[in-house]
Protein backbone atom coordinates (compact mmCIF):
# COMPACT_ATOMS: atom_id res chain seq x y z
CA UNK A 1 -15.11 19.15 54.40
CA UNK A 2 -16.08 22.34 52.83
CA UNK A 3 -17.81 20.18 50.13
CA UNK A 4 -20.58 19.51 52.69
CA UNK A 5 -21.51 22.79 53.15
CA UNK A 6 -22.52 23.21 49.44
CA UNK A 7 -24.25 19.39 50.11
CA UNK A 8 -26.24 20.86 52.78
CA UNK A 9 -27.53 23.81 50.87
CA UNK A 10 -28.63 21.40 47.97
CA UNK A 11 -30.19 19.02 50.60
CA UNK A 12 -32.74 21.81 51.89
CA UNK A 13 -33.50 22.75 48.47
CA UNK A 14 -34.38 18.79 47.47
CA UNK A 15 -36.31 18.21 51.14
CA UNK A 16 -38.97 20.73 50.19
CA UNK A 17 -39.69 18.35 47.47
CA UNK A 18 -38.93 14.90 48.74
CA UNK A 19 -39.65 15.15 52.36
CA UNK A 20 -41.97 12.38 52.21
CA UNK A 21 -39.70 10.09 51.15
CA UNK A 22 -37.69 10.72 54.29
CA UNK A 23 -40.25 10.26 56.37
CA UNK A 24 -41.10 6.96 54.46
CA UNK A 25 -37.46 5.62 55.01
CA UNK A 26 -37.43 6.50 58.49
CA UNK A 27 -40.49 4.36 59.06
CA UNK A 28 -39.04 1.68 56.68
CA UNK A 29 -35.73 1.34 58.75
CA UNK A 30 -37.72 1.18 62.04
CA UNK A 31 -39.90 -1.33 60.51
CA UNK A 32 -36.93 -3.63 59.89
CA UNK A 33 -34.66 -3.04 62.84
CA UNK A 34 -37.42 -3.77 65.24
CA UNK A 35 -38.11 -7.40 63.75
CA UNK A 36 -34.65 -8.08 62.32
CA UNK A 37 -34.73 -12.14 62.59
CA UNK A 38 -38.12 -12.27 60.76
CA UNK A 39 -36.54 -10.22 57.72
CA UNK A 40 -33.17 -12.03 57.95
CA UNK A 41 -34.93 -15.37 57.74
CA UNK A 42 -36.94 -14.38 54.63
CA UNK A 43 -34.20 -12.74 52.54
CA UNK A 44 -32.00 -15.72 52.97
CA UNK A 45 -35.07 -17.60 51.67
CA UNK A 46 -35.73 -15.61 48.84
CA UNK A 47 -32.12 -14.94 47.82
CA UNK A 48 -31.49 -18.84 47.82
CA UNK A 49 -34.51 -19.24 45.85
CA UNK A 50 -33.04 -16.71 43.24
CA UNK A 51 -29.52 -18.85 43.27
CA UNK A 52 -27.38 -16.71 45.74
CA UNK A 53 -25.02 -18.31 48.03
CA UNK A 54 -26.04 -16.81 51.43
CA UNK A 55 -23.51 -17.24 54.27
CA UNK A 56 -23.51 -16.05 57.86
CA UNK A 57 -20.76 -14.01 59.53
CA UNK A 58 -21.05 -13.80 63.47
CA UNK A 59 -18.24 -11.39 63.52
CA UNK A 60 -15.15 -9.78 61.38
CA UNK A 61 -12.88 -12.78 61.95
CA UNK A 62 -15.29 -15.07 60.42
CA UNK A 63 -15.98 -12.91 57.48
CA UNK A 64 -12.55 -12.69 56.67
CA UNK A 65 -12.31 -16.57 56.93
CA UNK A 66 -15.11 -17.10 54.47
CA UNK A 67 -13.57 -14.57 51.64
CA UNK A 68 -10.19 -16.43 52.01
CA UNK A 69 -12.02 -19.80 51.47
CA UNK A 70 -13.74 -18.44 48.58
CA UNK A 71 -10.89 -16.56 47.10
CA UNK A 72 -8.35 -19.64 48.08
CA UNK A 73 -7.33 -20.58 44.20
CA UNK A 74 -7.70 -17.02 42.70
CA UNK A 75 -4.95 -14.21 43.16
CA UNK A 76 -6.74 -11.14 41.30
CA UNK A 77 -9.92 -9.49 42.93
CA UNK A 78 -11.58 -5.77 41.90
CA UNK A 79 -13.42 -4.23 44.50
CA UNK A 80 -15.95 -1.40 44.94
CA UNK A 81 -15.97 1.09 48.06
CA UNK A 82 -17.78 -0.67 50.61
CA UNK A 83 -18.15 0.51 54.53
CA UNK A 84 -18.74 -3.30 55.27
CA UNK A 85 -15.37 -3.63 53.66
CA UNK A 86 -13.66 -1.29 55.88
CA UNK A 87 -15.66 -2.82 58.75
CA UNK A 88 -13.62 -6.11 58.32
CA UNK A 89 -10.61 -4.63 57.39
CA UNK A 90 -10.43 -6.39 53.76
CA UNK A 91 -7.50 -4.50 52.29
CA UNK A 92 -5.29 -5.87 54.91
CA UNK A 93 -6.54 -9.36 54.65
CA UNK A 94 -5.89 -9.43 51.10
CA UNK A 95 -2.20 -8.08 51.99
CA UNK A 96 -1.52 -10.52 54.35
CA UNK A 97 -2.89 -13.23 51.69
CA UNK A 98 -0.52 -11.95 48.78
CA UNK A 99 -3.66 -11.25 46.36
CA UNK A 100 -3.86 -8.29 44.40
CA UNK A 101 -6.76 -5.91 44.64
CA UNK A 102 -7.86 -3.67 42.06
CA UNK A 103 -9.87 -0.12 43.22
CA UNK A 104 -12.79 1.04 40.71
CA UNK A 105 -13.69 4.14 42.68
CA UNK A 106 -12.03 6.89 41.01
CA UNK A 107 -11.97 9.44 44.41
CA UNK A 108 -10.43 6.38 46.35
CA UNK A 109 -7.84 5.70 43.61
CA UNK A 110 -6.74 9.35 43.70
CA UNK A 111 -6.32 9.12 47.84
CA UNK A 112 -4.23 5.96 47.40
CA UNK A 113 -2.05 7.18 44.96
CA UNK A 114 -1.12 10.67 46.95
CA UNK A 115 -0.87 8.60 50.13
CA UNK A 116 -3.65 10.86 51.43
CA UNK A 117 -4.66 9.94 55.15
CA UNK A 118 -7.95 10.82 56.98
CA UNK A 119 -11.32 10.26 57.97
CA UNK A 120 -13.79 8.57 55.68
CA UNK A 121 -16.99 9.62 54.36
CA UNK A 122 -19.31 6.70 53.38
CA UNK A 123 -20.12 8.67 49.78
CA UNK A 124 -17.36 11.16 49.29
CA UNK A 125 -13.60 10.66 48.78
CA UNK A 126 -11.38 13.08 50.98
CA UNK A 127 -9.83 15.35 48.48
CA UNK A 128 -9.93 18.15 50.89
CA UNK A 129 -6.83 20.62 50.40
CA UNK A 130 -5.91 18.69 47.06
CA UNK A 131 -5.44 21.02 43.87
CA UNK A 132 -6.35 20.18 40.45
CA UNK A 133 -2.90 19.68 39.53
CA UNK A 134 -2.40 17.28 42.53
CA UNK A 135 -5.33 15.18 40.91
CA UNK A 136 -4.37 15.18 37.54
CA UNK A 137 -0.83 14.11 38.75
CA UNK A 138 -2.52 11.08 41.01
CA UNK A 139 -4.68 9.60 37.69
CA UNK A 140 -1.31 10.19 35.35
CA UNK A 141 0.30 8.20 37.85
CA UNK A 142 -2.28 5.47 37.90
CA UNK A 143 -2.66 4.87 33.96
CA UNK A 144 1.29 5.55 33.66
CA UNK A 145 1.28 8.27 31.17
CA UNK A 146 1.32 11.74 31.00
CA UNK A 147 -2.06 12.94 29.48
CA UNK A 148 -2.58 16.48 29.75
CA UNK A 149 -5.88 16.76 28.68
CA UNK A 150 -8.63 16.24 31.28
CA UNK A 151 -11.13 14.27 28.98
CA UNK A 152 -8.61 12.05 27.49
CA UNK A 153 -7.71 11.21 31.03
CA UNK A 154 -10.51 10.22 32.33
CA UNK A 155 -11.04 8.11 29.18
CA UNK A 156 -7.55 6.38 30.12
CA UNK A 157 -8.53 6.10 33.63
CA UNK A 158 -12.13 4.33 32.61
CA UNK A 159 -10.03 1.96 30.33
CA UNK A 160 -7.79 0.69 33.04
CA UNK A 161 -10.23 0.07 35.69
CA UNK A 162 -12.46 -2.04 32.75
CA UNK A 163 -9.09 -3.77 32.12
CA UNK A 164 -8.57 -4.09 35.73
CA UNK A 165 -12.16 -5.70 36.21
CA UNK A 166 -11.65 -8.18 33.17
CA UNK A 167 -8.49 -9.09 34.57
CA UNK A 168 -10.04 -10.06 37.96
CA UNK A 169 -11.48 -13.62 39.22
CA UNK A 170 -13.67 -11.77 41.71
CA UNK A 171 -15.60 -8.61 42.11
CA UNK A 172 -16.27 -7.70 45.62
CA UNK A 173 -19.09 -5.02 45.76
CA UNK A 174 -21.10 -2.72 48.45
CA UNK A 175 -24.75 -3.03 48.67
CA UNK A 176 -27.19 -0.22 49.54
CA UNK A 177 -30.28 -2.51 50.25
CA UNK A 178 -31.13 -6.21 49.90
CA UNK A 179 -35.12 -6.74 48.96
CA UNK A 180 -36.31 -9.45 51.55
CA UNK A 181 -39.37 -10.04 49.80
CA UNK A 182 -37.92 -11.32 46.69
CA UNK A 183 -34.25 -11.68 46.78
CA UNK A 184 -32.91 -8.70 45.30
CA UNK A 185 -29.35 -7.00 45.89
CA UNK A 186 -29.46 -3.27 44.97
CA UNK A 187 -26.13 -1.01 44.10
CA UNK A 188 -26.61 2.44 43.65
CA UNK A 189 -23.46 4.51 42.55
CA UNK A 190 -22.67 7.51 40.18
CA UNK A 191 -19.83 6.27 38.16
CA UNK A 192 -21.05 2.84 36.74
CA UNK A 193 -18.06 1.09 38.20
CA UNK A 194 -20.23 -1.03 40.84
CA UNK A 195 -22.27 -2.35 37.96
CA UNK A 196 -18.86 -3.42 36.12
CA UNK A 197 -17.38 -5.07 39.20
CA UNK A 198 -20.63 -6.97 39.90
CA UNK A 199 -21.61 -7.84 36.55
CA UNK A 200 -17.90 -8.59 34.22
CA UNK A 201 -16.20 -11.10 36.84
CA UNK A 202 -17.65 -14.51 36.98
CA UNK A 203 -17.60 -14.59 40.72
CA UNK A 204 -19.66 -11.70 42.72
CA UNK A 205 -18.80 -11.74 46.25
CA UNK A 206 -21.14 -9.13 48.76
CA UNK A 207 -20.38 -8.22 52.12
CA UNK A 208 -23.33 -6.72 53.98
CA UNK A 209 -24.40 -6.16 57.21
CA UNK A 210 -27.69 -7.38 58.56
CA UNK A 211 -28.89 -3.78 58.72
CA UNK A 212 -28.97 -3.47 54.88
CA UNK A 213 -32.59 -5.27 54.72
CA UNK A 214 -35.66 -3.50 53.57
CA UNK A 215 -39.02 -5.50 53.34
CA UNK A 216 -39.64 -4.07 49.61
CA UNK A 217 -38.16 -2.65 46.48
CA UNK A 218 -40.02 0.44 46.77
CA UNK A 219 -38.58 0.94 50.45
CA UNK A 220 -35.32 -0.05 49.30
CA UNK A 221 -35.22 2.68 46.40
CA UNK A 222 -36.45 4.94 48.87
CA UNK A 223 -33.47 4.09 51.11
CA UNK A 224 -30.95 4.75 48.51
CA UNK A 225 -32.76 8.25 47.43
CA UNK A 226 -32.55 9.62 50.78
CA UNK A 227 -28.89 8.54 51.19
CA UNK A 228 -28.32 10.57 48.19
CA UNK A 229 -30.17 13.35 49.15
CA UNK A 230 -28.56 13.81 52.56
CA UNK A 231 -25.11 12.44 51.52
CA UNK A 232 -24.55 14.13 48.19
CA UNK A 233 -27.29 16.55 47.68
CA UNK A 234 -28.67 14.88 44.90
CA UNK A 235 -31.96 13.38 43.99
CA UNK A 236 -30.72 10.08 42.76
CA UNK A 237 -27.73 8.12 42.17
CA UNK A 238 -26.60 8.11 38.51
CA UNK A 239 -26.84 4.12 38.16
CA UNK A 240 -28.90 1.43 40.05
CA UNK A 241 -28.07 -2.57 39.62
CA UNK A 242 -30.88 -4.84 40.55
CA UNK A 243 -29.14 -8.10 40.95
CA UNK A 244 -31.39 -11.57 41.67
CA UNK A 245 -28.65 -14.22 41.66
CA UNK A 246 -26.24 -15.64 39.07
CA UNK A 247 -26.71 -14.67 35.54
CA UNK A 248 -29.39 -16.86 33.41
CA UNK A 249 -31.00 -16.87 30.19
CA UNK A 250 -32.92 -19.50 28.32
CA UNK A 251 -32.92 -17.76 25.11
CA UNK A 252 -31.81 -20.62 22.97
CA UNK A 253 -34.14 -23.36 22.57
CA UNK A 254 -35.47 -22.46 25.82
CA UNK A 255 -32.47 -24.29 27.79
CA UNK A 256 -31.34 -22.70 30.80
CA UNK A 257 -27.71 -21.35 30.76
CA UNK A 258 -25.89 -19.58 33.55
CA UNK A 259 -22.91 -17.07 33.55
CA UNK A 260 -23.94 -15.80 30.02
CA UNK A 261 -24.83 -12.23 30.76
CA UNK A 262 -23.19 -11.77 34.28
CA UNK A 263 -21.68 -13.75 36.95
CA UNK A 264 -21.92 -17.32 36.98
CA UNK A 265 -21.71 -17.23 41.13
CA UNK A 266 -23.16 -14.83 43.40
CA UNK A 267 -21.86 -15.15 47.17
CA UNK A 268 -23.34 -12.69 49.75
CA UNK A 269 -22.10 -12.82 53.51
CA UNK A 270 -24.28 -11.33 55.63
CA UNK A 271 -22.29 -9.76 58.66
CA UNK A 272 -23.43 -9.38 62.16
CA UNK A 273 -20.49 -8.17 64.04
CA UNK A 274 -21.92 -6.64 66.94
CA UNK A 275 -25.39 -5.78 65.08
CA UNK A 276 -27.16 -8.37 67.59
CA UNK A 277 -24.97 -6.76 70.58
CA UNK A 278 -25.98 -2.92 69.68
CA UNK A 279 -29.54 -3.75 70.11
CA UNK A 280 -28.85 -5.64 73.35
CA UNK A 281 -27.19 -2.67 74.70
CA UNK A 282 -30.10 -0.67 73.78
CA UNK A 283 -28.29 1.09 70.86
CA UNK A 284 -30.47 -0.74 68.12
CA UNK A 285 -31.53 3.03 66.80
CA UNK A 286 -27.70 3.07 65.38
CA UNK A 287 -28.46 0.09 62.97
CA UNK A 288 -31.23 2.39 61.17
CA UNK A 289 -28.23 4.40 59.39
CA UNK A 290 -28.39 4.46 55.65
CA UNK A 291 -24.55 5.81 55.56
CA UNK A 292 -25.79 8.83 53.93
CA UNK A 293 -22.73 10.79 55.81
CA UNK A 294 -24.71 13.76 57.31
CA UNK A 295 -23.18 13.25 60.81
CA UNK A 296 -19.53 13.25 59.24
CA UNK A 297 -18.56 16.68 60.42
CA UNK A 298 -20.03 15.99 64.32
CA UNK A 299 -18.06 12.50 64.17
CA UNK A 300 -15.06 13.99 62.33
CA UNK A 301 -14.41 16.16 65.42
CA UNK A 302 -14.68 13.22 67.94
CA UNK A 303 -12.14 11.42 65.63
CA UNK A 304 -9.95 14.33 65.88
CA UNK A 305 -10.21 14.55 69.27
CA UNK A 306 -9.56 10.91 70.14
CA UNK A 307 -7.03 10.62 67.31
CA UNK A 308 -8.89 7.87 65.17
CA UNK A 309 -7.10 7.42 62.18
CA UNK A 310 -8.48 6.26 58.35
CA UNK A 311 -11.84 5.60 60.28
CA UNK A 312 -14.89 5.47 58.36
CA UNK A 313 -17.34 7.98 60.07
CA UNK A 314 -20.96 7.01 60.11
CA UNK A 315 -22.99 6.38 63.39
CA UNK A 316 -23.25 2.71 63.05
CA UNK A 317 -19.93 2.04 61.94
CA UNK A 318 -18.33 4.31 64.86
CA UNK A 319 -20.75 2.49 67.24
CA UNK A 320 -20.23 -0.98 65.87
CA UNK A 321 -16.34 0.00 66.21
CA UNK A 322 -17.08 0.93 69.91
CA UNK A 323 -18.80 -2.07 70.84
CA UNK A 324 -16.30 -4.52 69.26
CA UNK A 325 -13.75 -2.76 71.16
CA UNK A 326 -11.82 -1.10 67.88
CA UNK A 327 -12.45 2.55 68.68
CA UNK A 328 -12.04 3.89 72.52
CA UNK A 329 -12.69 7.51 73.40
CA UNK A 330 -9.81 8.33 75.46
CA UNK A 331 -9.83 11.91 75.32
CA UNK A 332 -13.67 12.03 75.99
CA UNK A 333 -17.06 12.34 74.09
CA UNK A 334 -18.22 15.93 75.13
CA UNK A 335 -17.17 17.22 71.66
CA UNK A 336 -19.76 14.73 69.63
CA UNK A 337 -22.39 17.63 69.13
CA UNK A 338 -26.19 17.05 67.87
CA UNK A 339 -26.08 16.11 63.89
CA UNK A 340 -28.94 15.86 61.03
CA UNK A 341 -29.94 12.50 60.43
CA UNK A 342 -32.85 11.47 58.24
CA UNK A 343 -33.90 8.24 59.95
CA UNK A 344 -33.68 9.79 63.83
CA UNK A 345 -29.97 8.75 65.24
CA UNK A 346 -28.66 10.99 67.77
CA UNK A 347 -25.54 11.81 69.56
CA UNK A 348 -26.76 10.29 72.28
CA UNK A 349 -27.00 6.81 70.44
CA UNK A 350 -23.60 6.84 69.55
CA UNK A 351 -22.19 7.89 73.18
CA UNK A 352 -24.22 5.14 74.62
CA UNK A 353 -22.34 2.77 72.36
CA UNK A 354 -19.00 3.82 74.39
CA UNK A 355 -20.86 3.13 77.74
């Protein structure tokens, strides 16, 4: 993507000011991955203490089954873009189950409307090669109206997204971090729709890998900031959501009420799906990944050589797909060049997952 060249230049400027944040994030990721089980146990205890319902999925199949059980009597879901949902093939699962899933990421909506295929960046929709006219036509098709004014069209898109969210029984979201010490789920994003998806439906499902854990809120926020610096060339995301279990309030006569200002239920599926296997194989370094996408160009060369279709390109995702037999480097790994990584993951770490 040409856009990545612009991001790299912005990143260089930001790093002059925030290099200490990046160093602290690298140290925080090393701490978590080196003692993962301790933090998993701590997080589960604090999450349950806040009213979050926690599940463990040993693999993608178990995560898919849990989602089907949770949504057994519901037909309408809305989701926010999430690498873990790609990992467990959530969209195909819902299609097979005959359940409607609404999208909320505008870039993803455009890609779907145009039927555009290609490798996936964790923070950016693949709009490479699309003209402004293409994008406008895609959004007009989404709202079902021929609105020419860009501002009016944007308002119509946001209105439809909100209607889709309000009509949904479950909101399914990503998560940039889970704070082990106090059981808080943190979402950082730039459109505001992640907040809507997590807050308006009465039931909220989060699918998160074990590696999403951080020790403290400060470390979590630094990790999200680092991902934005490296992946988007931005200092911070526009919106943060800090979710501490189900919505609750005691405003009225000090009686606790649930589900008044947000979801009545929060379900968190903690996903292994090869993460411990990566550690056993000596590839645990990949679990430090913060899904910033700084490695995208290098991984994309590998994807093109091996004809990988519609693959999320992060070092962690590729490593997990390799160890689970989902991706094979039939034409070799030689084009995988060294890449920039804020937490010290290298091309050699990725290659080792295929061996």
